[in-house]
Amino acid sequence: MAFFAARQGGNIHDYIALTGKSYAELNDESCTVDDSVYNSVIERAVRTTHDDFFGLHAGEHLNMEAAGLIVQLAQTSQTVKQAIELCCEFANLGCSALPMKLLVEGDYYKIMLTPNELWKNQSPIAFQHTAEGALAFTIKEFCSLTRMKHDPIRVHVPWPKPGNPGEYERVFGCPVLFNRDEIAILLNKEHVEEPVITSNFNLLKVLITHATEKSAKINNTHGFQSIVKQSIINLVKPDFPTIEQVSAHLNVSSRTLQRKLQAEGTSYKSLTDELRKDFALSYIKRPDLSISEVAYLLSYTDPSAFNRSFKRWTGKTPGEFRAFQ
């Protein structure tokens, strides 16, 4: 939200200073801040942007790729329902104080957001704008999964009706009921049970298993290159992302990314090559994957090119390496 506020006229350096952390630290997906610090940043953002719908607009304009692993889980799920369930399960990766759950009520599904009461009472402003941002992004993700065919039935929120309720309906794409005793999105049951066109169950299992392993290792390292590695892993689909895609994910220019990596004695090409090697060594140990499938997962269009790379990494061809496992 701080980066969105900066694009709306706020000063990013002021927001970063409030956290007591560096820019690089904040870009690390494992980075966390105290509730009081987070609240101060959101309150400052609302004041400096002069936007009464700041949270709503931040959620509306958040890049889908910026959500990383959560969106990838959703896009490779078999059904919209499974996608929502996974998003609810891992909602704490975005905001631990605003957990989500999926309920069935009659002919519709309900996504419930249940805020931490202590955090909610600490800063009603931060709570409302964060909840509005989460609602806007969740609906945006739902519409994307259904190929923009469906909108929610309605949205429930506990705060009073504003002077311009039409802005909520524009962003959410449905009626909004205020002064309710819940934060919820109501969805048509048939729409939720539709298949996801981009589903790929086998790929999901492989990528998530390996990404979890790599994330655990990266969390124990330090420096800007660890942040770049984490972003590369989160953006693998299975094609490895370009430096431009990773730069956009980290909100820096490609030149700045390269310069920071060079200062740490490495390069983007070296990092991707290192990750391809690590991925390859992990994948090649799986008997359920053929060598050509491993090559595909590592973005090699020509299996012979993968064979050459693998021999450079290990001194053996993939077949020779697998034979000794």
C-alpha atoms as a PDB file:
ATOM      1  CA  MET A   1       0.000   0.000   0.000  1.00  0.00           C
ATOM      2  CA  ALA A   2       2.918   2.342   0.676  1.00  0.00           C
ATOM      3  CA  PHE A   3       4.095   2.079  -2.941  1.00  0.00           C
ATOM      4  CA  PHE A   4       0.576   2.797  -4.202  1.00  0.00           C
ATOM      5  CA  ALA A   5       0.386   5.830  -1.897  1.00  0.00           C
ATOM      6  CA  ALA A   6       3.689   7.064  -3.334  1.00  0.00           C
ATOM      7  CA  ARG A   7       2.239   6.849  -6.847  1.00  0.00           C
ATOM      8  CA  GLN A   8      -0.710   8.891  -5.606  1.00  0.00           C
ATOM      9  CA  GLY A   9       1.501  11.753  -4.445  1.00  0.00           C
ATOM     10  CA  GLY A  10       2.847  10.515  -1.112  1.00  0.00           C
ATOM     11  CA  ASN A  11       6.527  10.356  -0.168  1.00  0.00           C
ATOM     12  CA  ILE A  12       7.822   6.771  -0.175  1.00  0.00           C
ATOM     13  CA  HIS A  13      10.822   7.762   1.957  1.00  0.00           C
ATOM     14  CA  ASP A  14       8.504   8.988   4.717  1.00  0.00           C
ATOM     15  CA  TYR A  15       6.618   5.692   4.717  1.00  0.00           C
ATOM     16  CA  ILE A  16       9.824   3.646   4.777  1.00  0.00           C
ATOM     17  CA  ALA A  17      11.220   5.765   7.625  1.00  0.00           C
ATOM     18  CA  LEU A  18       8.133   4.983   9.722  1.00  0.00           C
ATOM     19  CA  THR A  19       8.897   1.255   9.545  1.00  0.00           C
ATOM     20  CA  GLY A  20      12.465   1.526  10.833  1.00  0.00           C
ATOM     21  CA  LYS A  21      13.566  -0.871   8.072  1.00  0.00           C
ATOM     22  CA  SER A  22      15.459  -0.460   4.824  1.00  0.00           C
ATOM     23  CA  TYR A  23      13.909  -0.621   1.361  1.00  0.00           C
ATOM     24  CA  ALA A  24      15.572  -3.969   0.706  1.00  0.00           C
ATOM     25  CA  GLU A  25      14.270  -5.426   3.967  1.00  0.00           C
ATOM     26  CA  LEU A  26      10.716  -4.361   3.172  1.00  0.00           C
ATOM     27  CA  ASN A  27      10.912  -5.983  -0.267  1.00  0.00           C
ATOM     28  CA  ASP A  28      11.738  -9.323   1.327  1.00  0.00           C
ATOM     29  CA  GLU A  29       8.494 -11.333   1.391  1.00  0.00           C
ATOM     30  CA  SER A  30       9.487 -12.782   4.768  1.00  0.00           C
ATOM     31  CA  CYS A  31       9.667  -9.297   6.285  1.00  0.00           C
ATOM     32  CA  THR A  32       7.067  -8.417   8.930  1.00  0.00           C
ATOM     33  CA  VAL A  33       6.302  -5.242  10.876  1.00  0.00           C
ATOM     34  CA  ASP A  34       4.466  -4.651  14.136  1.00  0.00           C
ATOM     35  CA  ASP A  35       0.792  -3.736  14.010  1.00  0.00           C
ATOM     36  CA  SER A  36       1.512  -0.273  15.396  1.00  0.00           C
ATOM     37  CA  VAL A  37       4.084   0.396  12.674  1.00  0.00           C
ATOM     38  CA  TYR A  38       1.780  -0.846   9.925  1.00  0.00           C
ATOM     39  CA  ASN A  39      -1.064   1.298  11.288  1.00  0.00           C
ATOM     40  CA  SER A  40       1.132   4.400  11.282  1.00  0.00           C
ATOM     41  CA  VAL A  41       2.072   3.844   7.623  1.00  0.00           C
ATOM     42  CA  ILE A  42      -1.549   3.406   6.513  1.00  0.00           C
ATOM     43  CA  GLU A  43      -2.738   6.418   8.519  1.00  0.00           C
ATOM     44  CA  ARG A  44       0.036   8.555   6.993  1.00  0.00           C
ATOM     45  CA  ALA A  45      -0.827   7.278   3.505  1.00  0.00           C
ATOM     46  CA  VAL A  46      -4.502   8.169   3.909  1.00  0.00           C
ATOM     47  CA  ARG A  47      -3.623  11.673   5.116  1.00  0.00           C
ATOM     48  CA  THR A  48      -1.024  12.443   2.473  1.00  0.00           C
ATOM     49  CA  THR A  49      -2.985  11.125  -0.511  1.00  0.00           C
ATOM     50  CA  HIS A  50      -6.211  12.871   0.577  1.00  0.00           C
ATOM     51  CA  ASP A  51      -8.079   9.823  -0.697  1.00  0.00           C
ATOM     52  CA  ASP A  52     -11.095   8.788   1.374  1.00  0.00           C
ATOM     53  CA  PHE A  53     -11.131   5.517  -0.592  1.00  0.00           C
ATOM     54  CA  PHE A  54      -7.385   4.871  -0.354  1.00  0.00           C
ATOM     55  CA  GLY A  55      -7.654   1.193   0.667  1.00  0.00           C
ATOM     56  CA  LEU A  56     -10.323   0.534  -1.943  1.00  0.00           C
ATOM     57  CA  HIS A  57      -8.202   2.038  -4.712  1.00  0.00           C
ATOM     58  CA  ALA A  58      -4.997   0.321  -3.502  1.00  0.00           C
ATOM     59  CA  GLY A  59      -6.675  -3.086  -3.713  1.00  0.00           C
ATOM     60  CA  GLU A  60      -8.175  -2.251  -7.092  1.00  0.00           C
ATOM     61  CA  HIS A  61      -4.818  -1.317  -8.621  1.00  0.00           C
ATOM     62  CA  LEU A  62      -2.598  -3.942  -6.963  1.00  0.00           C
ATOM     63  CA  ASN A  63      -0.785  -5.916  -9.647  1.00  0.00           C
ATOM     64  CA  MET A  64      -1.895  -9.568  -9.602  1.00  0.00           C
ATOM     65  CA  GLU A  65       1.713 -10.723  -9.980  1.00  0.00           C
ATOM     66  CA  ALA A  66       2.707  -8.685  -6.928  1.00  0.00           C
ATOM     67  CA  ALA A  67       0.721 -11.128  -4.788  1.00  0.00           C
ATOM     68  CA  GLY A  68       3.165 -13.833  -5.859  1.00  0.00           C
ATOM     69  CA  LEU A  69       2.586 -17.327  -4.595  1.00  0.00           C
ATOM     70  CA  ILE A  70      -1.038 -16.844  -3.503  1.00  0.00           C
ATOM     71  CA  VAL A  71      -2.156 -15.897  -7.007  1.00  0.00           C
ATOM     72  CA  GLN A  72      -0.124 -18.728  -8.562  1.00  0.00           C
ATOM     73  CA  LEU A  73      -1.876 -21.175  -6.232  1.00  0.00           C
ATOM     74  CA  ALA A  74      -5.235 -19.822  -7.338  1.00  0.00           C
ATOM     75  CA  GLN A  75      -4.459 -19.857 -11.060  1.00  0.00           C
ATOM     76  CA  THR A  76      -3.311 -23.482 -11.052  1.00  0.00           C
ATOM     77  CA  SER A  77      -6.213 -24.752  -8.920  1.00  0.00           C
ATOM     78  CA  GLN A  78      -8.773 -27.101 -10.425  1.00  0.00           C
ATOM     79  CA  THR A  79     -11.843 -25.044  -9.473  1.00  0.00           C
ATOM     80  CA  VAL A  80     -12.598 -21.522  -8.344  1.00  0.00           C
ATOM     81  CA  LYS A  81     -13.657 -22.998  -5.018  1.00  0.00           C
ATOM     82  CA  GLN A  82     -10.298 -24.688  -4.510  1.00  0.00           C
ATOM     83  CA  ALA A  83      -8.564 -21.457  -5.471  1.00  0.00           C
ATOM     84  CA  ILE A  84     -10.516 -19.484  -2.876  1.00  0.00           C
ATOM     85  CA  GLU A  85      -9.865 -22.133  -0.231  1.00  0.00           C
ATOM     86  CA  LEU A  86      -6.122 -21.932  -0.886  1.00  0.00           C
ATOM     87  CA  CYS A  87      -6.228 -18.137  -0.751  1.00  0.00           C
ATOM     88  CA  CYS A  88      -8.014 -18.364   2.585  1.00  0.00           C
ATOM     89  CA  GLU A  89      -5.530 -20.919   3.889  1.00  0.00           C
ATOM     90  CA  PHE A  90      -2.557 -18.726   3.017  1.00  0.00           C
ATOM     91  CA  ALA A  91      -4.170 -15.336   3.676  1.00  0.00           C
ATOM     92  CA  ASN A  92      -1.754 -14.831   6.564  1.00  0.00           C
ATOM     93  CA  LEU A  93       1.029 -14.366   3.997  1.00  0.00           C
ATOM     94  CA  GLY A  94      -0.594 -11.050   3.155  1.00  0.00           C
ATOM     95  CA  CYS A  95      -2.060  -9.913   6.478  1.00  0.00           C
ATOM     96  CA  SER A  96      -2.036 -12.106   9.570  1.00  0.00           C
ATOM     97  CA  ALA A  97      -4.485  -9.782  11.316  1.00  0.00           C
ATOM     98  CA  LEU A  98      -7.207 -10.313   8.695  1.00  0.00           C
ATOM     99  CA  PRO A  99      -7.762 -14.073   8.196  1.00  0.00           C
ATOM    100  CA  MET A 100     -10.298 -15.330   5.649  1.00  0.00           C
ATOM    101  CA  LYS A 101     -12.563 -18.362   5.426  1.00  0.00           C
ATOM    102  CA  LEU A 102     -15.050 -19.760   2.907  1.00  0.00           C
ATOM    103  CA  LEU A 103     -18.550 -20.719   4.097  1.00  0.00           C
ATOM    104  CA  VAL A 104     -21.566 -22.267   2.360  1.00  0.00           C
ATOM    105  CA  GLU A 105     -24.938 -20.636   3.041  1.00  0.00           C
ATOM    106  CA  GLY A 106     -27.892 -21.836   0.988  1.00  0.00           C
ATOM    107  CA  ASP A 107     -27.400 -21.066  -2.693  1.00  0.00           C
ATOM    108  CA  TYR A 108     -24.257 -19.027  -2.262  1.00  0.00           C
ATOM    109  CA  TYR A 109     -20.733 -19.095  -0.869  1.00  0.00           C
ATOM    110  CA  LYS A 110     -19.512 -16.457   1.524  1.00  0.00           C
ATOM    111  CA  ILE A 111     -15.905 -15.303   1.918  1.00  0.00           C
ATOM    112  CA  MET A 112     -15.628 -14.005   5.470  1.00  0.00           C
ATOM    113  CA  LEU A 113     -12.863 -11.679   6.671  1.00  0.00           C
ATOM    114  CA  THR A 114     -12.495 -11.823  10.446  1.00  0.00           C
ATOM    115  CA  PRO A 115     -10.180  -9.122  11.822  1.00  0.00           C
ATOM    116  CA  ASN A 116      -8.044  -9.435  14.919  1.00  0.00           C
ATOM    117  CA  GLU A 117     -10.041  -7.424  17.449  1.00  0.00           C
ATOM    118  CA  LEU A 118      -6.968  -5.936  19.140  1.00  0.00           C
ATOM    119  CA  TRP A 119      -5.592  -4.655  15.845  1.00  0.00           C
ATOM    120  CA  LYS A 120      -9.054  -3.472  14.779  1.00  0.00           C
ATOM    121  CA  ASN A 121      -9.382  -1.330  17.906  1.00  0.00           C
ATOM    122  CA  GLN A 122      -5.836   0.035  17.722  1.00  0.00           C
ATOM    123  CA  SER A 123      -6.532   1.898  14.483  1.00  0.00           C
ATOM    124  CA  PRO A 124     -10.026   1.923  12.964  1.00  0.00           C
ATOM    125  CA  ILE A 125      -8.609   3.846   9.996  1.00  0.00           C
ATOM    126  CA  ALA A 126      -5.931   1.252   9.173  1.00  0.00           C
ATOM    127  CA  PHE A 127      -8.426  -1.547   9.770  1.00  0.00           C
ATOM    128  CA  GLN A 128     -11.062  -0.173   7.392  1.00  0.00           C
ATOM    129  CA  HIS A 129      -8.655   0.695   4.571  1.00  0.00           C
ATOM    130  CA  THR A 130      -6.862  -2.644   4.854  1.00  0.00           C
ATOM    131  CA  ALA A 131     -10.158  -4.530   4.804  1.00  0.00           C
ATOM    132  CA  GLU A 132     -11.377  -2.543   1.804  1.00  0.00           C
ATOM    133  CA  GLY A 133      -8.127  -3.271  -0.022  1.00  0.00           C
ATOM    134  CA  ALA A 134      -8.424  -6.983   0.750  1.00  0.00           C
ATOM    135  CA  LEU A 135     -12.030  -7.038  -0.471  1.00  0.00           C
ATOM    136  CA  ALA A 136     -11.163  -5.224  -3.699  1.00  0.00           C
ATOM    137  CA  PHE A 137      -8.210  -7.501  -4.484  1.00  0.00           C
ATOM    138  CA  THR A 138     -10.104 -10.698  -3.614  1.00  0.00           C
ATOM    139  CA  ILE A 139     -12.951  -9.715  -5.932  1.00  0.00           C
ATOM    140  CA  LYS A 140     -10.451  -8.806  -8.647  1.00  0.00           C
ATOM    141  CA  GLU A 141      -8.888 -12.253  -8.301  1.00  0.00           C
ATOM    142  CA  PHE A 142     -12.304 -13.962  -8.381  1.00  0.00           C
ATOM    143  CA  CYS A 143     -13.254 -12.116 -11.577  1.00  0.00           C
ATOM    144  CA  SER A 144      -9.918 -13.072 -13.143  1.00  0.00           C
ATOM    145  CA  LEU A 145     -10.448 -16.759 -12.321  1.00  0.00           C
ATOM    146  CA  THR A 146     -13.888 -16.687 -13.966  1.00  0.00           C
ATOM    147  CA  ARG A 147     -12.486 -14.886 -17.023  1.00  0.00           C
ATOM    148  CA  MET A 148     -14.397 -11.717 -16.089  1.00  0.00           C
ATOM    149  CA  LYS A 149     -17.733 -13.479 -16.636  1.00  0.00           C
ATOM    150  CA  HIS A 150     -19.079 -13.089 -13.111  1.00  0.00           C
ATOM    151  CA  ASP A 151     -19.310 -10.528 -10.314  1.00  0.00           C
ATOM    152  CA  PRO A 152     -20.159 -11.072  -6.628  1.00  0.00           C
ATOM    153  CA  ILE A 153     -23.790 -11.062  -5.500  1.00  0.00           C
ATOM    154  CA  ARG A 154     -23.090  -8.378  -2.909  1.00  0.00           C
ATOM    155  CA  VAL A 155     -20.612  -7.256  -0.258  1.00  0.00           C
ATOM    156  CA  HIS A 156     -21.251  -6.667   3.463  1.00  0.00           C
ATOM    157  CA  VAL A 157     -19.191  -4.213   5.545  1.00  0.00           C
ATOM    158  CA  PRO A 158     -19.599  -3.015   9.157  1.00  0.00           C
ATOM    159  CA  TRP A 159     -18.795   0.671   8.702  1.00  0.00           C
ATOM    160  CA  PRO A 160     -21.322   3.456   7.954  1.00  0.00           C
ATOM    161  CA  LYS A 161     -22.489   4.306   4.484  1.00  0.00           C
ATOM    162  CA  PRO A 162     -20.273   7.063   3.009  1.00  0.00           C
ATOM    163  CA  GLY A 163     -21.402  10.070   1.055  1.00  0.00           C
ATOM    164  CA  ASN A 164     -20.357   8.422  -2.190  1.00  0.00           C
ATOM    165  CA  PRO A 165     -21.343   4.733  -1.963  1.00  0.00           C
ATOM    166  CA  GLY A 166     -21.220   4.462  -5.744  1.00  0.00           C
ATOM    167  CA  GLU A 167     -17.413   4.222  -5.606  1.00  0.00           C
ATOM    168  CA  TYR A 168     -17.711   0.947  -3.674  1.00  0.00           C
ATOM    169  CA  GLU A 169     -20.130  -0.480  -6.213  1.00  0.00           C
ATOM    170  CA  ARG A 170     -17.875   0.606  -9.080  1.00  0.00           C
ATOM    171  CA  VAL A 171     -14.833  -1.165  -7.619  1.00  0.00           C
ATOM    172  CA  PHE A 172     -16.651  -4.237  -6.285  1.00  0.00           C
ATOM    173  CA  GLY A 173     -18.981  -4.579  -9.269  1.00  0.00           C
ATOM    174  CA  CYS A 174     -21.990  -5.324  -7.046  1.00  0.00           C
ATOM    175  CA  PRO A 175     -24.320  -3.815  -4.403  1.00  0.00           C
ATOM    176  CA  VAL A 176     -22.775  -3.047  -0.992  1.00  0.00           C
ATOM    177  CA  LEU A 177     -24.654  -3.228   2.319  1.00  0.00           C
ATOM    178  CA  PHE A 178     -23.246  -1.033   5.104  1.00  0.00           C
ATOM    179  CA  ASN A 179     -23.594  -1.217   8.910  1.00  0.00           C
ATOM    180  CA  ARG A 180     -23.622  -5.003   8.796  1.00  0.00           C
ATOM    181  CA  ASP A 181     -22.112  -7.185  11.528  1.00  0.00           C
ATOM    182  CA  GLU A 182     -19.595  -8.814   9.156  1.00  0.00           C
ATOM    183  CA  ILE A 183     -17.067  -8.270   6.387  1.00  0.00           C
ATOM    184  CA  ALA A 184     -18.074 -10.643   3.621  1.00  0.00           C
ATOM    185  CA  ILE A 185     -18.281 -11.283  -0.104  1.00  0.00           C
ATOM    186  CA  LEU A 186     -21.289 -13.297  -1.311  1.00  0.00           C
ATOM    187  CA  LEU A 187     -20.744 -15.361  -4.456  1.00  0.00           C
ATOM    188  CA  ASN A 188     -23.081 -17.409  -6.638  1.00  0.00           C
ATOM    189  CA  LYS A 189     -22.580 -21.106  -5.853  1.00  0.00           C
ATOM    190  CA  GLU A 190     -22.481 -22.129  -9.520  1.00  0.00           C
ATOM    191  CA  HIS A 191     -19.808 -19.538 -10.286  1.00  0.00           C
ATOM    192  CA  VAL A 192     -17.607 -20.728  -7.424  1.00  0.00           C
ATOM    193  CA  GLU A 193     -17.820 -24.357  -8.519  1.00  0.00           C
ATOM    194  CA  GLU A 194     -16.689 -23.622 -12.081  1.00  0.00           C
ATOM    195  CA  PRO A 195     -13.350 -25.061 -13.278  1.00  0.00           C
ATOM    196  CA  VAL A 196     -10.289 -22.829 -13.566  1.00  0.00           C
ATOM    197  CA  ILE A 197      -9.154 -22.747 -17.198  1.00  0.00           C
ATOM    198  CA  THR A 198      -5.480 -22.372 -16.256  1.00  0.00           C
ATOM    199  CA  SER A 199      -5.492 -25.302 -13.804  1.00  0.00           C
ATOM    200  CA  ASN A 200      -2.531 -27.666 -13.829  1.00  0.00           C
ATOM    201  CA  PHE A 201      -2.587 -29.958 -10.837  1.00  0.00           C
ATOM    202  CA  ASN A 202       0.658 -31.807 -11.508  1.00  0.00           C
ATOM    203  CA  LEU A 203       2.551 -28.608 -12.138  1.00  0.00           C
ATOM    204  CA  LEU A 204       1.040 -27.098  -9.009  1.00  0.00           C
ATOM    205  CA  LYS A 205       2.323 -29.960  -6.878  1.00  0.00           C
ATOM    206  CA  VAL A 206       5.810 -29.834  -8.349  1.00  0.00           C
ATOM    207  CA  LEU A 207       6.245 -26.077  -8.224  1.00  0.00           C
ATOM    208  CA  ILE A 208       4.763 -25.553  -4.767  1.00  0.00           C
ATOM    209  CA  THR A 209       6.751 -28.403  -3.215  1.00  0.00           C
ATOM    210  CA  HIS A 210       9.964 -27.101  -4.651  1.00  0.00           C
ATOM    211  CA  ALA A 211       9.169 -23.446  -3.979  1.00  0.00           C
ATOM    212  CA  THR A 212       8.557 -24.296  -0.325  1.00  0.00           C
ATOM    213  CA  GLU A 213      11.944 -25.987  -0.081  1.00  0.00           C
ATOM    214  CA  LYS A 214      13.715 -23.091  -1.774  1.00  0.00           C
ATOM    215  CA  SER A 215      11.897 -20.455   0.267  1.00  0.00           C
ATOM    216  CA  ALA A 216      13.019 -22.128   3.491  1.00  0.00           C
ATOM    217  CA  LYS A 217      16.647 -21.981   2.326  1.00  0.00           C
ATOM    218  CA  ILE A 218      16.429 -18.415   1.083  1.00  0.00           C
ATOM    219  CA  ASN A 219      14.908 -17.223   4.361  1.00  0.00           C
ATOM    220  CA  ASN A 220      18.195 -18.195   6.024  1.00  0.00           C
ATOM    221  CA  THR A 221      20.270 -16.021   3.726  1.00  0.00           C
ATOM    222  CA  HIS A 222      20.797 -12.267   3.643  1.00  0.00           C
ATOM    223  CA  GLY A 223      21.268  -9.522   1.087  1.00  0.00           C
ATOM    224  CA  PHE A 224      19.494  -8.155  -1.975  1.00  0.00           C
ATOM    225  CA  GLN A 225      20.199 -11.287  -4.017  1.00  0.00           C
ATOM    226  CA  SER A 226      18.049 -13.323  -1.595  1.00  0.00           C
ATOM    227  CA  ILE A 227      15.158 -10.947  -2.273  1.00  0.00           C
ATOM    228  CA  VAL A 228      15.650 -11.343  -6.027  1.00  0.00           C
ATOM    229  CA  LYS A 229      15.813 -15.141  -5.663  1.00  0.00           C
ATOM    230  CA  GLN A 230      12.549 -15.157  -3.721  1.00  0.00           C
ATOM    231  CA  SER A 231      10.884 -13.059  -6.414  1.00  0.00           C
ATOM    232  CA  ILE A 232      12.151 -15.357  -9.186  1.00  0.00           C
ATOM    233  CA  ILE A 233      10.726 -18.384  -7.384  1.00  0.00           C
ATOM    234  CA  ASN A 234       7.372 -16.688  -6.832  1.00  0.00           C
ATOM    235  CA  LEU A 235       7.134 -15.683 -10.503  1.00  0.00           C
ATOM    236  CA  VAL A 236       8.072 -19.058 -12.027  1.00  0.00           C
ATOM    237  CA  LYS A 237       5.029 -20.191 -14.064  1.00  0.00           C
ATOM    238  CA  PRO A 238       6.938 -22.532 -15.051  1.00  0.00           C
ATOM    239  CA  ASP A 239       8.897 -20.174 -17.348  1.00  0.00           C
ATOM    240  CA  PHE A 240      11.588 -18.312 -15.458  1.00  0.00           C
ATOM    241  CA  PRO A 241      10.730 -14.595 -15.292  1.00  0.00           C
ATOM    242  CA  THR A 242      12.710 -11.994 -17.194  1.00  0.00           C
ATOM    243  CA  ILE A 243      14.741  -9.378 -15.374  1.00  0.00           C
ATOM    244  CA  GLU A 244      12.093  -6.840 -16.389  1.00  0.00           C
ATOM    245  CA  GLN A 245       9.351  -8.880 -14.705  1.00  0.00           C
ATOM    246  CA  VAL A 246      11.351  -9.294 -11.502  1.00  0.00           C
ATOM    247  CA  SER A 247      12.263  -5.604 -11.488  1.00  0.00           C
ATOM    248  CA  ALA A 248       8.591  -4.659 -11.803  1.00  0.00           C
ATOM    249  CA  HIS A 249       7.730  -7.075  -8.990  1.00  0.00           C
ATOM    250  CA  LEU A 250      10.274  -5.338  -6.746  1.00  0.00           C
ATOM    251  CA  ASN A 251       9.324  -1.832  -7.924  1.00  0.00           C
ATOM    252  CA  VAL A 252      12.845  -1.025  -9.140  1.00  0.00           C
ATOM    253  CA  SER A 253      14.307  -0.485 -12.582  1.00  0.00           C
ATOM    254  CA  SER A 254      16.209  -3.271 -14.332  1.00  0.00           C
ATOM    255  CA  ARG A 255      19.346  -1.154 -14.197  1.00  0.00           C
ATOM    256  CA  THR A 256      19.013  -0.665 -10.433  1.00  0.00           C
ATOM    257  CA  LEU A 257      18.454  -4.387  -9.909  1.00  0.00           C
ATOM    258  CA  GLN A 258      21.570  -5.252 -11.910  1.00  0.00           C
ATOM    259  CA  ARG A 259      23.626  -2.602 -10.104  1.00  0.00           C
ATOM    260  CA  LYS A 260      22.628  -3.904  -6.656  1.00  0.00           C
ATOM    261  CA  LEU A 261      23.406  -7.467  -7.645  1.00  0.00           C
ATOM    262  CA  GLN A 262      26.787  -6.438  -9.053  1.00  0.00           C
ATOM    263  CA  ALA A 263      27.564  -4.754  -5.717  1.00  0.00           C
ATOM    264  CA  GLU A 264      27.091  -8.175  -4.110  1.00  0.00           C
ATOM    265  CA  GLY A 265      29.326  -9.854  -6.691  1.00  0.00           C
ATOM    266  CA  THR A 266      26.648 -11.542  -8.774  1.00  0.00           C
ATOM    267  CA  SER A 267      24.230 -10.925 -11.660  1.00  0.00           C
ATOM    268  CA  TYR A 268      20.682 -11.764 -12.640  1.00  0.00           C
ATOM    269  CA  LYS A 269      21.939 -14.333 -15.145  1.00  0.00           C
ATOM    270  CA  SER A 270      24.044 -16.008 -12.450  1.00  0.00           C
ATOM    271  CA  LEU A 271      21.104 -16.169 -10.041  1.00  0.00           C
ATOM    272  CA  THR A 272      18.767 -17.719 -12.597  1.00  0.00           C
ATOM    273  CA  ASP A 273      21.450 -20.205 -13.604  1.00  0.00           C
ATOM    274  CA  GLU A 274      21.984 -21.125  -9.946  1.00  0.00           C
ATOM    275  CA  LEU A 275      18.255 -21.577  -9.404  1.00  0.00           C
ATOM    276  CA  ARG A 276      17.883 -23.634 -12.579  1.00  0.00           C
ATOM    277  CA  LYS A 277      20.638 -25.916 -11.302  1.00  0.00           C
ATOM    278  CA  ASP A 278      18.944 -26.274  -7.894  1.00  0.00           C
ATOM    279  CA  PHE A 279      15.570 -26.892  -9.544  1.00  0.00           C
ATOM    280  CA  ALA A 280      17.130 -29.398 -11.940  1.00  0.00           C
ATOM    281  CA  LEU A 281      18.787 -31.398  -9.151  1.00  0.00           C
ATOM    282  CA  SER A 282      15.473 -31.517  -7.310  1.00  0.00           C
ATOM    283  CA  TYR A 283      13.338 -32.423 -10.339  1.00  0.00           C
ATOM    284  CA  ILE A 284      15.723 -35.036 -11.744  1.00  0.00           C
ATOM    285  CA  LYS A 285      15.338 -37.077  -8.549  1.00  0.00           C
ATOM    286  CA  ARG A 286      11.609 -37.431  -9.215  1.00  0.00           C
ATOM    287  CA  PRO A 287      10.868 -40.685 -11.112  1.00  0.00           C
ATOM    288  CA  ASP A 288       7.451 -39.344 -12.167  1.00  0.00           C
ATOM    289  CA  LEU A 289       9.097 -36.677 -14.354  1.00  0.00           C
ATOM    290  CA  SER A 290      10.754 -37.529 -17.645  1.00  0.00           C
ATOM    291  CA  ILE A 291      13.931 -35.694 -18.623  1.00  0.00           C
ATOM    292  CA  SER A 292      12.028 -33.805 -21.336  1.00  0.00           C
ATOM    293  CA  GLU A 293       9.459 -32.713 -18.733  1.00  0.00           C
ATOM    294  CA  VAL A 294      12.241 -31.500 -16.442  1.00  0.00           C
ATOM    295  CA  ALA A 295      13.664 -29.512 -19.350  1.00  0.00           C
ATOM    296  CA  TYR A 296      10.230 -27.951 -19.956  1.00  0.00           C
ATOM    297  CA  LEU A 297       9.826 -27.003 -16.290  1.00  0.00           C
ATOM    298  CA  LEU A 298      13.165 -25.206 -16.487  1.00  0.00           C
ATOM    299  CA  SER A 299      12.111 -23.218 -19.590  1.00  0.00           C
ATOM    300  CA  TYR A 300      14.327 -25.141 -22.034  1.00  0.00           C
ATOM    301  CA  THR A 301      12.621 -25.421 -25.431  1.00  0.00           C
ATOM    302  CA  ASP A 302      15.357 -27.794 -26.642  1.00  0.00           C
ATOM    303  CA  PRO A 303      16.137 -30.848 -24.428  1.00  0.00           C
ATOM    304  CA  SER A 304      19.670 -30.965 -25.847  1.00  0.00           C
ATOM    305  CA  ALA A 305      20.299 -27.460 -24.450  1.00  0.00           C
ATOM    306  CA  PHE A 306      19.175 -28.703 -21.042  1.00  0.00           C
ATOM    307  CA  ASN A 307      21.521 -31.698 -21.346  1.00  0.00           C
ATOM    308  CA  ARG A 308      24.462 -29.368 -22.015  1.00  0.00           C
ATOM    309  CA  SER A 309      23.598 -27.158 -19.045  1.00  0.00           C
ATOM    310  CA  PHE A 310      23.161 -30.126 -16.744  1.00  0.00           C
ATOM    311  CA  LYS A 311      26.534 -31.558 -17.749  1.00  0.00           C
ATOM    312  CA  ARG A 312      28.130 -28.170 -17.104  1.00  0.00           C
ATOM    313  CA  TRP A 313      26.596 -28.131 -13.602  1.00  0.00           C
ATOM    314  CA  THR A 314      27.327 -31.719 -12.597  1.00  0.00           C
ATOM    315  CA  GLY A 315      29.789 -33.228 -15.049  1.00  0.00           C
ATOM    316  CA  LYS A 316      27.137 -35.784 -16.056  1.00  0.00           C
ATOM    317  CA  THR A 317      24.176 -35.874 -18.435  1.00  0.00           C
ATOM    318  CA  PRO A 318      20.704 -35.995 -16.823  1.00  0.00           C
ATOM    319  CA  GLY A 319      20.410 -39.683 -17.745  1.00  0.00           C
ATOM    320  CA  GLU A 320      23.798 -40.523 -16.227  1.00  0.00           C
ATOM    321  CA  PHE A 321      23.039 -38.565 -13.068  1.00  0.00           C
ATOM    322  CA  ARG A 322      19.643 -40.223 -12.661  1.00  0.00           C
ATOM    323  CA  ALA A 323      21.156 -43.690 -13.144  1.00  0.00           C
ATOM    324  CA  PHE A 324      23.370 -43.205 -10.083  1.00  0.00           C
ATOM    325  CA  GLN A 325      20.549 -42.032  -7.799  1.00  0.00           C
END
